Structures are given as C-alpha cells and as structure tokens.
Amino acid sequence: MANYNKSRAVFYILFIILGFLILLSVSCSKREEILTEPEEITLSNENDSSSCLVCHIEETPGIVASYGRGEHIKNDVGCLDCHEVHEDDPTGIDHNGFEITAIPSPNYCMECHPTEVAEYSNSKHAWTAFMGQYKPYYKEAVAQGLDPLSQETAKLLDPDEMAKTLLSPLIADSGILQTIGFLDDPDYNHANVTSGCGTCHGTFVIVEDDGTITGMPNAGAGRVNADGSLGSCSSCHTRHEYSIAEARKPETCGQCHLGPDHPQMEIYEESKHGNLYGAMGEEWNWDSHEWGADDIGAPTCATCHMSAFGDAVETTHNAGDRLYWELQPKISVPQWKGPDEVDLILERIPDPVAAEAGRAKMMAVCTECHSTSWAEGHFTQLDKVVADYNKVWEYADNLLTEAYEKGLADPENPIDEPAEIYHYYIWHHSGRRWRMGASMMGPDYTHWNGAVDTIMKNLGFMISDLELREAILKK
C-alpha cells in the first residue's frame, strides 16, 4: 500500500509539471506571436519612424507590441511624430542621429489633439501637483514675482526640497516629523512624498545644467513638464497603446482615486453600478466610438465624468466639468472657477453658475438610463449629506479655534497634537468618504466609513482630548 501511495504521488507531481510546461509553452508561443512578427508592425515607406522599429523590435519589444496594438500605427503616426523634440523643450537628446525626447508632454499631443489638451489644461487634474505637495513652492514663487512653471524658478527654489522639508498640512506627516526632529534631518529621505504624492499628483521635471533630468520616471496627472506644460496623457492612456478602452475602465481611475482620503474606486465597487460592472463588464463594448447605453450595462467613472454618452453629452477631458460640488476641501462649495479665470492654486472662488451647468450635464448622463425623478432624488439626498458634513465641519473648526484661544493646543505646528490630527482627519479622510460615498451611492462609505467615523470617532476623540486638557489646566 505504501508503494502504491508513493507511485500515486510521483504520478501527480509529474502530471502537474507536465501541465505547467504546456501552459508555459502556450504562453511563450503567444508572446512570440505578439513580439516577433515585425512585419505586422509597420509604417508607410515614407514615414521616417520606420527605422525606429527596426531597432526597437529587438531592444524594447514590449513597447513595440503595445504600439502595434494601438490606433496611432493604424493612422501612420510614427515614433518621431511624438518623440522628435520641440525647440522649447530642454529634455532633448541625440539618439542615433535623431533629436528626441523621452518625455513627450501634452504640448506634443496638442498637435493632433488640441481640444483634448485645452480641456485637460483647464482641469484640476492638470494643476494637481501645485494643489498638492508643490503648493508651498508655488506660493513662494508667486510671492517673489517668479514663474512657478519655469525651469529657472524650479532650480532656484527646489520644489521637491520645499515639499519634503517645510512644515505644512499639505504633507500631513510633517508635523510629527518636526516634533521628533526628522523634518530637516539630512539622513531622512522623505521618499514617500515622491513615491506617494508625486506618483499621482505629478513631479516637477527639471533638466539640470549638466543635462541630468530629475523628476522622472513619472506619469502623474499634474506632472510639471520641462516645456512649461502640465500633465501626462499617459496617466490615463498608457503608452504606447493609448487605448480608449483602458481609459474607460474604472481601474484606470482607481490607480489614484482610492484609499482612506478619496476612495472613489472602493465606493464604486460597493455601488450597484460597480456591482454590474464586476458581474458583466467583460461582455461590454469598450471600443465603440459612438458609446452609449446599448454598449454597457452600467456607467464607469469615464461614463459619468468624461466620455461622450449617447446623445446626452460630448466628450470632455476636464473631469470636473459635470460636477456641482467640490467634495475634497475642508468645506464643500459649488465648483471653483477654473485656471482660465483665476489663479486656481491661490484663489478658490466658487462658481455656482458653472456648477449648475455641470449638474445639468451629469443629469443628462443619468437620464440615459434612469428616470428624471430617480436622478433628482439622488442629487437631493447628496445635497443634504453635504449640508450635514458642512455643519459638522464648522463645529469642529470652531472647536479647534477655541482650543488655540484657551491654550489647549499650539497653532505653531499644525498637525502634531491629537486635536489637530482629529480635526485633519474629519475633513481629509472620513469627511471626504462621507460626501463621496453619498455622491457615488456607496452606503457603507456614506455611513460607517463616513458619517460615523467623522462624528463618533474623530470628532468624539477630539472633544474628549480637549475636555481632558481643559480639566487638567483647571486643577
């Protein structure tokens, strides 16, 4: 019997190994099929980029394979059409006799896609590096009368150094780091600022005097490019395929819009829309150029915020164009005026007229699938949630102000004491979840992760801490 069991074990091991080898051979053969048939990845004879493919099919086969699946090659758009360096771009290098850049900015895309680039440049996505970790740098540059987008200003003020070593609520851990002596410690790298904030918000691409390029690799939505433009189209349309299907799927937005402070991806997955996408999304038509309700069974992020959909709305690359509320700041107001009207970084001016127009566009998307009364009911509830959050925020903000006046907390360091930390979490974490959960129909994020965490945990702990401090002072 022992020998029999041993034989069976050997048989199963051999069977598993054989199966693995078969799968491996199939996988490799498919890879060979994709990567080693350059005759299927060709440009017209007149296109100068043909010579690029000869080398790169061997040197970077994954890039060429991706390019071969995309729309650019079908329209004879070659490598040099995107990579031949512009005169005002200092990132150019000599590459086998061609003057190219490895970092094509939106200015390069603008030659064929001017509307898309103009819309994106007027969006908060494009300015998000300056709205995030580079805001102290931006404010200082403007205060000195300097152009915050220029290479000269960046070399003078060093935006990354300012982001990492200045005490600022924009870099939430800076308060505690200063308290423990790490904020200006030369041996502490603050690497999370670049690998965390900068990955989504974007970095500042700087060409040093010796030709070294800093701020890369990066494809952040608000990347500050060396030619003075903002953004990276490949943040949503991954190079070199630039797939419309990829940009329409929620996972693309979810690479940045997730986590404790802006969990849109998790909220979407909890919602009925996300439930339908998870159950049936593989069957939907993602490549249709006339996208509508007959192509998909429920909306994705792009459907509601950016895509043309049926006859309801036209495509926009300004993801805030169809919104009424600003849900991410400390207090929610109608959408801010855009950078075409004001300095968006320094002036946050609500625009109720534009906000009403945004809601009308969103309603038009909703009513492609829902009745008007259903959609109106949703927005009515959202407005009530926003009003509730604003009321709680006002109470918490006044509470901290009173704490400073009573000497229960020190305003010099913005986020190093319990009351300040809870105050921060009320708006930046749980308060956002509360509002965003309601906006995207995620009940758990609206209630438990939102309202309850805001009121019961963060505000409750803030109140308890200040009451205890006040009691101690009275003794």
Protein backbone atom coordinates (compact mmCIF):
# COMPACT_ATOMS: atom_id res chain seq x y z
CA MET A 1 0.00 0.00 0.00
CA ALA A 2 2.87 2.40 0.85
CA ASN A 3 4.47 1.79 -2.57
CA TYR A 4 1.10 2.38 -4.22
CA ASN A 5 0.66 5.75 -2.49
CA LYS A 6 4.21 6.71 -3.36
CA SER A 7 3.58 5.88 -7.03
CA ARG A 8 0.40 7.96 -6.99
CA ALA A 9 2.28 10.92 -5.51
CA VAL A 10 5.01 10.67 -8.18
CA PHE A 11 2.30 10.47 -10.88
CA TYR A 12 0.55 13.61 -9.60
CA ILE A 13 3.82 15.55 -9.40
CA LEU A 14 4.72 14.58 -12.97
CA PHE A 15 1.20 15.48 -14.12
CA ILE A 16 1.45 18.94 -12.54
CA ILE A 17 4.89 19.57 -14.05
CA LEU A 18 3.64 18.49 -17.49
CA GLY A 19 0.64 20.82 -17.20
CA PHE A 20 2.88 23.70 -16.19
CA LEU A 21 5.20 23.08 -19.15
CA ILE A 22 2.24 23.03 -21.54
CA LEU A 23 0.93 26.34 -20.16
CA LEU A 24 4.41 27.83 -20.33
CA SER A 25 4.86 26.77 -23.94
CA VAL A 26 1.48 28.23 -24.90
CA SER A 27 2.29 31.47 -23.07
CA CYS A 28 5.68 31.75 -24.72
CA SER A 29 4.31 30.92 -28.14
CA LYS A 30 1.69 33.65 -27.77
CA ARG A 31 4.38 36.11 -26.64
CA GLU A 32 6.50 35.15 -29.64
CA GLU A 33 3.47 35.65 -31.85
CA ILE A 34 2.97 39.15 -30.44
CA LEU A 35 6.56 40.27 -30.21
CA THR A 36 8.45 38.66 -33.06
CA GLU A 37 6.35 39.43 -36.10
CA PRO A 38 7.61 42.91 -37.06
CA GLU A 39 6.05 42.62 -40.49
CA GLU A 40 2.69 43.21 -38.78
CA ILE A 41 4.00 46.34 -37.03
CA THR A 42 4.96 48.56 -39.93
CA LEU A 43 4.58 52.14 -41.11
CA SER A 44 4.45 53.54 -44.62
CA ASN A 45 7.74 53.64 -46.51
CA GLU A 46 7.69 57.43 -46.40
CA ASN A 47 7.50 57.52 -42.59
CA ASP A 48 10.91 58.29 -41.04
CA SER A 49 9.95 56.36 -37.92
CA SER A 50 10.22 53.03 -39.76
CA SER A 51 13.90 52.93 -38.86
CA CYS A 52 12.98 53.23 -35.15
CA LEU A 53 11.02 49.98 -35.32
CA VAL A 54 13.95 48.05 -36.78
CA CYS A 55 15.95 48.51 -33.58
CA HIS A 56 13.19 48.72 -31.01
CA ILE A 57 11.53 45.45 -32.00
CA GLU A 58 14.68 43.89 -30.52
CA GLU A 59 15.57 46.41 -27.81
CA THR A 60 12.11 47.15 -26.35
CA PRO A 61 9.74 44.53 -27.80
CA GLY A 62 7.02 45.24 -25.22
CA ILE A 63 6.84 48.90 -26.27
CA VAL A 64 6.64 47.99 -29.95
CA ALA A 65 3.98 45.35 -29.29
CA SER A 66 1.91 47.89 -27.38
CA TYR A 67 2.35 50.45 -30.15
CA GLY A 68 1.35 47.83 -32.71
CA ARG A 69 -1.99 47.29 -30.97
CA GLY A 70 -2.88 50.98 -30.84
CA GLU A 71 -4.62 53.48 -33.08
CA HIS A 72 -1.52 55.56 -33.82
CA ILE A 73 0.11 53.00 -36.06
CA LYS A 74 -3.16 52.48 -37.94
CA ASN A 75 -3.07 56.18 -38.83
CA ASP A 76 0.64 56.12 -39.74
CA VAL A 77 1.55 58.17 -36.67
CA GLY A 78 5.16 57.22 -36.06
CA CYS A 79 7.60 57.40 -33.16
CA LEU A 80 9.09 60.72 -34.30
CA ASP A 81 5.68 62.35 -34.55
CA CYS A 82 5.53 62.11 -30.75
CA HIS A 83 9.19 61.96 -29.74
CA GLU A 84 11.00 64.42 -32.03
CA VAL A 85 11.93 67.16 -29.57
CA HIS A 86 10.34 70.61 -29.74
CA GLU A 87 12.56 73.66 -29.81
CA ASP A 88 11.33 74.90 -26.42
CA ASP A 89 11.82 71.55 -24.68
CA PRO A 90 15.19 71.14 -22.89
CA THR A 91 14.76 67.36 -22.44
CA GLY A 92 16.06 66.61 -25.96
CA ILE A 93 18.89 64.14 -26.53
CA ASP A 94 20.70 62.83 -29.59
CA HIS A 95 19.53 59.28 -30.29
CA ASN A 96 21.08 57.56 -33.29
CA GLY A 97 21.04 60.77 -35.30
CA PHE A 98 17.59 61.92 -34.17
CA GLU A 99 16.99 64.71 -31.65
CA ILE A 100 14.28 63.21 -29.45
CA THR A 101 12.70 63.45 -26.03
CA ALA A 102 11.79 60.51 -23.85
CA ILE A 103 9.15 62.66 -22.12
CA PRO A 104 6.60 63.91 -24.66
CA SER A 105 4.41 66.45 -22.87
CA PRO A 106 0.80 67.40 -23.67
CA ASN A 107 2.25 70.06 -25.99
CA TYR A 108 3.28 67.19 -28.27
CA CYS A 109 -0.17 65.63 -28.15
CA MET A 110 -1.72 69.04 -28.85
CA GLU A 111 -0.55 68.96 -32.47
CA CYS A 112 -3.22 66.33 -33.19
CA HIS A 113 -5.48 66.67 -30.12
CA PRO A 114 -5.79 70.43 -29.43
CA THR A 115 -9.28 70.29 -27.91
CA GLU A 116 -8.43 67.48 -25.52
CA VAL A 117 -5.26 69.22 -24.31
CA ALA A 118 -7.05 72.56 -23.86
CA GLU A 119 -9.79 70.91 -21.80
CA TYR A 120 -7.31 68.99 -19.69
CA SER A 121 -5.16 72.07 -19.06
CA ASN A 122 -8.24 73.80 -17.63
CA SER A 123 -8.95 70.93 -15.23
CA LYS A 124 -7.88 70.36 -11.63
CA HIS A 125 -6.12 67.19 -12.79
CA ALA A 126 -3.56 69.28 -14.68
CA TRP A 127 -2.86 71.52 -11.68
CA THR A 128 -2.90 68.82 -9.02
CA ALA A 129 0.87 68.85 -8.31
CA PHE A 130 0.59 72.51 -7.34
CA MET A 131 -2.63 71.84 -5.43
CA GLY A 132 -0.76 69.12 -3.54
CA GLN A 133 2.86 68.80 -2.49
CA TYR A 134 4.15 71.76 -4.52
CA LYS A 135 1.75 74.37 -3.18
CA PRO A 136 4.34 75.90 -0.77
CA TYR A 137 6.76 76.21 -3.70
CA TYR A 138 4.07 77.73 -5.94
CA LYS A 139 3.10 80.32 -3.30
CA GLU A 140 6.73 81.30 -2.75
CA ALA A 141 7.41 81.62 -6.50
CA VAL A 142 4.37 83.88 -6.99
CA ALA A 143 5.30 85.94 -3.90
CA GLN A 144 8.72 86.60 -5.45
CA GLY A 145 7.18 87.50 -8.82
CA LEU A 146 8.61 84.40 -10.50
CA ASP A 147 7.01 82.00 -12.98
CA PRO A 148 6.30 78.80 -10.99
CA LEU A 149 6.26 76.67 -14.15
CA SER A 150 9.70 77.70 -15.39
CA GLN A 151 12.89 75.67 -15.15
CA GLU A 152 14.80 78.67 -13.79
CA THR A 153 12.41 79.13 -10.87
CA ALA A 154 12.44 75.41 -10.08
CA LYS A 155 16.24 75.35 -9.99
CA LEU A 156 16.29 78.43 -7.76
CA LEU A 157 13.67 77.33 -5.20
CA ASP A 158 13.84 73.50 -5.47
CA PRO A 159 10.16 72.43 -5.27
CA ASP A 160 10.96 68.90 -4.07
CA GLU A 161 13.13 70.11 -1.21
CA MET A 162 10.40 72.52 -0.13
CA ALA A 163 7.75 69.79 -0.30
CA LYS A 164 9.82 67.46 1.84
CA THR A 165 11.22 69.79 4.48
CA LEU A 166 8.66 72.56 5.07
CA LEU A 167 6.16 72.25 7.89
CA SER A 168 2.84 72.12 6.05
CA PRO A 169 -0.58 70.44 6.46
CA LEU A 170 -0.29 69.53 2.77
CA ILE A 171 2.32 66.97 3.83
CA ALA A 172 0.43 65.60 6.80
CA ASP A 173 3.34 63.76 8.45
CA SER A 174 5.50 66.92 8.56
CA GLY A 175 4.07 67.95 11.95
CA ILE A 176 5.16 64.81 13.76
CA LEU A 177 8.43 64.68 11.79
CA GLN A 178 9.30 68.14 13.08
CA THR A 179 8.37 67.15 16.62
CA ILE A 180 10.76 64.16 16.56
CA GLY A 181 13.50 66.06 14.70
CA PHE A 182 13.31 64.26 11.36
CA LEU A 183 11.85 67.04 9.19
CA ASP A 184 15.23 68.61 8.38
CA ASP A 185 17.36 65.52 9.08
CA PRO A 186 19.61 65.05 6.01
CA ASP A 187 19.57 61.28 6.55
CA TYR A 188 15.77 61.11 6.30
CA ASN A 189 14.75 60.90 2.63
CA HIS A 190 11.04 61.73 2.78
CA ALA A 191 10.81 59.23 -0.06
CA ASN A 192 7.07 58.79 0.45
CA VAL A 193 6.49 62.31 -0.90
CA THR A 194 7.93 61.37 -4.29
CA SER A 195 6.82 57.74 -4.44
CA GLY A 196 3.44 58.53 -2.89
CA CYS A 197 2.20 62.06 -3.57
CA GLY A 198 4.23 62.58 -6.74
CA THR A 199 3.19 59.33 -8.38
CA CYS A 200 -0.41 60.55 -8.74
CA HIS A 201 -0.13 64.32 -8.37
CA GLY A 202 2.91 64.51 -10.62
CA THR A 203 6.52 65.57 -10.16
CA PHE A 204 8.47 68.56 -11.44
CA VAL A 205 10.63 67.51 -14.41
CA ILE A 206 13.84 69.54 -14.20
CA VAL A 207 16.77 69.47 -16.63
CA GLU A 208 19.86 70.27 -14.60
CA ASP A 209 22.76 72.25 -16.04
CA ASP A 210 24.73 69.06 -16.66
CA GLY A 211 21.82 67.55 -18.64
CA THR A 212 20.63 65.29 -15.83
CA ILE A 213 16.84 65.01 -15.68
CA THR A 214 15.17 64.83 -12.27
CA GLY A 215 11.52 64.17 -11.55
CA MET A 216 11.38 61.03 -13.66
CA PRO A 217 10.13 58.35 -14.06
CA ASN A 218 6.67 59.79 -13.56
CA ALA A 219 3.31 59.89 -15.31
CA GLY A 220 1.37 61.82 -12.67
CA ALA A 221 -1.79 63.65 -13.68
CA GLY A 222 -0.30 67.04 -12.80
CA ARG A 223 3.31 66.49 -13.83
CA VAL A 224 5.09 69.81 -14.43
CA ASN A 225 6.92 69.31 -17.69
CA ALA A 226 10.19 70.91 -18.68
CA ASP A 227 8.50 72.86 -21.51
CA GLY A 228 6.12 74.53 -19.02
CA SER A 229 3.09 72.39 -19.81
CA LEU A 230 1.14 70.44 -17.19
CA GLY A 231 0.06 66.81 -17.07
CA SER A 232 0.81 63.47 -18.63
CA CYS A 233 -1.66 61.99 -21.10
CA SER A 234 -0.22 58.56 -20.38
CA SER A 235 -1.50 58.81 -16.81
CA CYS A 236 -4.85 57.60 -18.18
CA HIS A 237 -3.97 56.42 -21.71
CA THR A 238 -1.00 54.17 -21.04
CA ARG A 239 1.78 54.47 -23.58
CA HIS A 240 2.21 53.25 -26.25
CA GLU A 241 -1.18 51.80 -27.00
CA TYR A 242 -3.19 54.81 -25.79
CA SER A 243 -6.28 52.65 -25.56
CA ILE A 244 -9.72 54.26 -25.35
CA ALA A 245 -10.98 51.07 -23.68
CA GLU A 246 -8.38 51.36 -20.92
CA ALA A 247 -9.32 54.96 -20.17
CA ARG A 248 -12.99 53.98 -19.94
CA LYS A 249 -12.46 51.29 -17.30
CA PRO A 250 -12.65 52.20 -13.60
CA GLU A 251 -9.33 50.52 -12.74
CA THR A 252 -7.55 53.33 -14.61
CA CYS A 253 -9.09 55.98 -12.35
CA GLY A 254 -8.66 53.66 -9.38
CA GLN A 255 -4.86 53.77 -9.62
CA CYS A 256 -5.08 57.17 -7.84
CA HIS A 257 -8.67 57.53 -6.63
CA LEU A 258 -8.58 55.01 -3.80
CA GLY A 259 -7.59 54.75 -0.16
CA PRO A 260 -8.67 56.44 3.07
CA ASP A 261 -8.80 60.01 1.74
CA HIS A 262 -10.53 59.61 -1.64
CA PRO A 263 -11.81 56.03 -2.01
CA GLN A 264 -13.82 56.51 -5.21
CA MET A 265 -12.70 53.14 -6.52
CA GLU A 266 -13.87 51.28 -3.43
CA ILE A 267 -17.11 53.28 -3.34
CA TYR A 268 -17.75 52.42 -6.99
CA GLU A 269 -17.16 48.73 -6.33
CA GLU A 270 -19.70 48.85 -3.49
CA SER A 271 -22.31 50.66 -5.58
CA LYS A 272 -24.84 48.96 -7.83
CA HIS A 273 -23.02 50.44 -10.82
CA GLY A 274 -19.78 48.76 -9.74
CA ASN A 275 -21.62 45.55 -8.94
CA LEU A 276 -22.93 45.39 -12.53
CA TYR A 277 -19.50 46.20 -13.94
CA GLY A 278 -17.89 43.45 -11.87
CA ALA A 279 -20.52 40.90 -12.86
CA MET A 280 -20.86 41.64 -16.58
CA GLY A 281 -18.23 44.19 -17.62
CA GLU A 282 -16.19 41.73 -19.66
CA GLU A 283 -19.09 41.43 -22.09
CA TRP A 284 -19.46 45.15 -22.74
CA ASN A 285 -18.33 47.03 -25.86
CA TRP A 286 -15.37 49.14 -24.74
CA ASP A 287 -14.05 50.23 -28.14
CA SER A 288 -17.16 51.80 -29.67
CA HIS A 289 -16.59 55.33 -30.91
CA GLU A 290 -20.32 56.01 -30.54
CA TRP A 291 -20.52 54.92 -26.92
CA GLY A 292 -23.98 54.66 -25.38
CA ALA A 293 -26.30 52.69 -23.13
CA ASP A 294 -26.51 49.89 -25.68
CA ASP A 295 -22.75 49.27 -25.27
CA ILE A 296 -22.59 48.95 -21.48
CA GLY A 297 -24.88 47.80 -18.68
CA ALA A 298 -23.85 50.43 -16.13
CA PRO A 299 -21.67 53.54 -16.06
CA THR A 300 -17.98 53.67 -15.19
CA CYS A 301 -16.08 56.72 -13.94
CA ALA A 302 -15.45 57.86 -17.51
CA THR A 303 -19.11 57.46 -18.48
CA CYS A 304 -20.27 59.96 -15.89
CA HIS A 305 -17.33 62.34 -15.82
CA MET A 306 -15.68 62.44 -19.25
CA SER A 307 -17.00 60.29 -22.06
CA ALA A 308 -19.48 61.20 -24.75
CA PHE A 309 -22.51 59.06 -23.98
CA GLY A 310 -25.40 58.57 -26.36
CA ASP A 311 -26.71 61.95 -27.42
CA ALA A 312 -26.60 63.28 -23.85
CA VAL A 313 -23.15 64.88 -23.59
CA GLU A 314 -19.97 65.41 -25.56
CA THR A 315 -16.54 64.14 -24.51
CA THR A 316 -14.56 66.32 -22.12
CA HIS A 317 -11.07 65.95 -20.70
CA ASN A 318 -11.97 68.20 -17.79
CA ALA A 319 -13.12 65.64 -15.20
CA GLY A 320 -14.83 68.32 -13.10
CA ASP A 321 -16.96 69.66 -15.94
CA ARG A 322 -20.09 67.72 -14.88
CA LEU A 323 -19.89 68.28 -11.12
CA TYR A 324 -21.75 70.63 -8.81
CA TRP A 325 -19.91 70.20 -5.51
CA GLU A 326 -16.26 70.42 -4.53
CA LEU A 327 -16.16 67.36 -2.25
CA GLN A 328 -12.46 67.28 -1.36
CA PRO A 329 -11.86 70.61 0.51
CA LYS A 330 -12.49 71.34 4.17
CA ILE A 331 -15.91 72.77 3.42
CA SER A 332 -17.90 71.89 0.31
CA VAL A 333 -18.87 74.70 -2.04
CA PRO A 334 -20.03 74.78 -5.67
CA GLN A 335 -17.26 74.07 -8.18
CA TRP A 336 -14.40 76.57 -8.21
CA LYS A 337 -13.64 78.86 -11.09
CA GLY A 338 -11.03 77.30 -13.38
CA PRO A 339 -7.44 78.34 -14.14
CA ASP A 340 -8.61 80.14 -17.27
CA GLU A 341 -10.34 82.68 -14.99
CA VAL A 342 -8.35 82.81 -11.75
CA ASP A 343 -5.13 81.56 -10.19
CA LEU A 344 -6.65 78.22 -9.17
CA ILE A 345 -3.89 77.49 -6.65
CA LEU A 346 -4.20 80.75 -4.70
CA GLU A 347 -7.82 81.71 -5.42
CA ARG A 348 -10.61 79.25 -4.61
CA ILE A 349 -13.69 81.09 -5.89
CA PRO A 350 -16.95 79.11 -6.16
CA ASP A 351 -18.80 79.38 -9.46
CA PRO A 352 -22.48 78.50 -8.85
CA VAL A 353 -23.43 79.16 -12.47
CA ALA A 354 -20.85 76.71 -13.81
CA ALA A 355 -21.78 74.27 -11.03
CA GLU A 356 -25.44 74.30 -12.08
CA ALA A 357 -24.38 73.72 -15.68
CA GLY A 358 -22.23 70.81 -14.51
CA ARG A 359 -25.11 69.21 -12.67
CA ALA A 360 -27.32 69.58 -15.75
CA LYS A 361 -24.73 67.68 -17.78
CA MET A 362 -24.50 64.96 -15.15
CA MET A 363 -28.29 64.71 -15.05
CA ALA A 364 -28.27 64.25 -18.81
CA VAL A 365 -25.95 61.25 -18.38
CA CYS A 366 -28.04 59.79 -15.56
CA THR A 367 -31.29 60.04 -17.51
CA GLU A 368 -29.89 57.97 -20.36
CA CYS A 369 -30.61 55.02 -18.05
CA HIS A 370 -32.74 56.41 -15.16
CA SER A 371 -35.93 58.41 -14.88
CA THR A 372 -35.64 62.12 -14.10
CA SER A 373 -37.33 61.65 -10.71
CA TRP A 374 -34.85 58.91 -9.76
CA ALA A 375 -31.85 61.07 -10.67
CA GLU A 376 -33.27 64.16 -8.97
CA GLY A 377 -33.93 62.13 -5.83
CA HIS A 378 -30.28 61.05 -5.73
CA PHE A 379 -28.96 64.60 -6.00
CA THR A 380 -31.43 65.86 -3.39
CA GLN A 381 -30.04 63.31 -0.91
CA LEU A 382 -26.46 64.21 -1.86
CA ASP A 383 -27.13 67.89 -1.17
CA LYS A 384 -28.47 67.01 2.29
CA VAL A 385 -25.37 64.94 3.06
CA VAL A 386 -23.12 67.81 2.02
CA ALA A 387 -25.10 70.20 4.24
CA ASP A 388 -24.74 67.81 7.21
CA TYR A 389 -21.00 67.44 6.69
CA ASN A 390 -20.51 71.22 6.36
CA LYS A 391 -22.35 71.74 9.65
CA VAL A 392 -20.17 69.19 11.47
CA TRP A 393 -17.01 70.67 9.94
CA GLU A 394 -17.95 74.17 11.07
CA TYR A 395 -18.43 72.86 14.63
CA ALA A 396 -15.04 71.03 14.58
CA ASP A 397 -13.22 74.01 13.10
CA ASN A 398 -14.66 76.37 15.73
CA LEU A 399 -13.70 73.86 18.41
CA LEU A 400 -10.05 73.93 17.36
CA THR A 401 -10.06 77.72 17.17
CA GLU A 402 -11.38 77.84 20.75
CA ALA A 403 -8.71 75.34 21.81
CA TYR A 404 -5.99 77.63 20.49
CA GLU A 405 -7.55 80.62 22.29
CA LYS A 406 -7.70 78.67 25.57
CA GLY A 407 -4.14 77.39 25.24
CA LEU A 408 -5.26 73.76 24.92
CA ALA A 409 -3.33 73.37 21.66
CA ASP A 410 -0.43 75.19 19.99
CA PRO A 411 -1.12 76.56 16.48
CA GLU A 412 2.59 76.87 15.64
CA ASN A 413 2.85 73.24 14.49
CA PRO A 414 -0.34 72.48 12.50
CA ILE A 415 -0.68 68.71 12.92
CA ASP A 416 1.23 67.35 15.89
CA GLU A 417 -1.36 67.29 18.69
CA PRO A 418 -4.37 64.97 18.99
CA ALA A 419 -7.00 67.69 18.49
CA GLU A 420 -5.23 68.90 15.33
CA ILE A 421 -4.86 65.38 13.97
CA TYR A 422 -8.54 64.53 14.53
CA HIS A 423 -9.50 67.90 13.02
CA TYR A 424 -7.42 66.98 9.95
CA TYR A 425 -8.98 63.52 9.62
CA ILE A 426 -12.50 64.97 9.87
CA TRP A 427 -12.13 66.71 6.52
CA HIS A 428 -9.29 64.91 4.76
CA HIS A 429 -10.34 61.31 5.47
CA SER A 430 -13.70 60.46 6.99
CA GLY A 431 -15.42 63.68 5.87
CA ARG A 432 -14.43 63.04 2.28
CA ARG A 433 -15.61 59.45 2.50
CA TRP A 434 -18.94 60.67 3.87
CA ARG A 435 -19.52 63.06 0.96
CA MET A 436 -18.01 60.95 -1.79
CA GLY A 437 -19.85 57.85 -0.61
CA ALA A 438 -23.15 59.66 -0.98
CA SER A 439 -22.22 61.11 -4.36
CA MET A 440 -21.46 57.66 -5.84
CA MET A 441 -24.07 55.60 -3.98
CA GLY A 442 -21.78 53.70 -1.62
CA PRO A 443 -23.87 53.28 1.55
CA ASP A 444 -21.12 51.86 3.77
CA TYR A 445 -18.79 54.75 2.90
CA THR A 446 -21.59 57.26 3.46
CA HIS A 447 -22.46 55.90 6.92
CA TRP A 448 -19.86 53.78 8.73
CA ASN A 449 -16.67 54.91 6.98
CA GLY A 450 -18.06 58.42 6.58
CA ALA A 451 -20.55 59.95 8.98
CA VAL A 452 -19.90 57.59 11.90
CA ASP A 453 -16.10 57.82 11.65
CA THR A 454 -16.36 61.60 11.35
CA ILE A 455 -18.74 62.18 14.25
CA MET A 456 -18.27 59.25 16.63
CA LYS A 457 -14.55 58.64 16.28
CA ASN A 458 -12.71 61.74 15.05
CA LEU A 459 -14.95 64.44 16.49
CA GLY A 460 -15.65 62.36 19.60
CA PHE A 461 -11.96 61.81 20.32
CA MET A 462 -11.21 65.46 19.57
CA ILE A 463 -13.81 66.58 22.10
CA SER A 464 -12.59 64.10 24.74
CA ASP A 465 -8.96 65.16 24.34
CA LEU A 466 -9.76 68.86 24.70
CA GLU A 467 -12.07 68.29 27.67
CA LEU A 468 -9.32 66.33 29.43
CA ARG A 469 -6.74 69.02 28.73
CA GLU A 470 -9.07 71.73 29.99
CA ALA A 471 -9.81 69.76 33.16
CA ILE A 472 -6.08 69.35 33.84
CA LEU A 473 -5.48 73.09 33.36
CA LYS A 474 -8.20 73.92 35.88
CA LYS A 475 -6.62 71.83 38.63
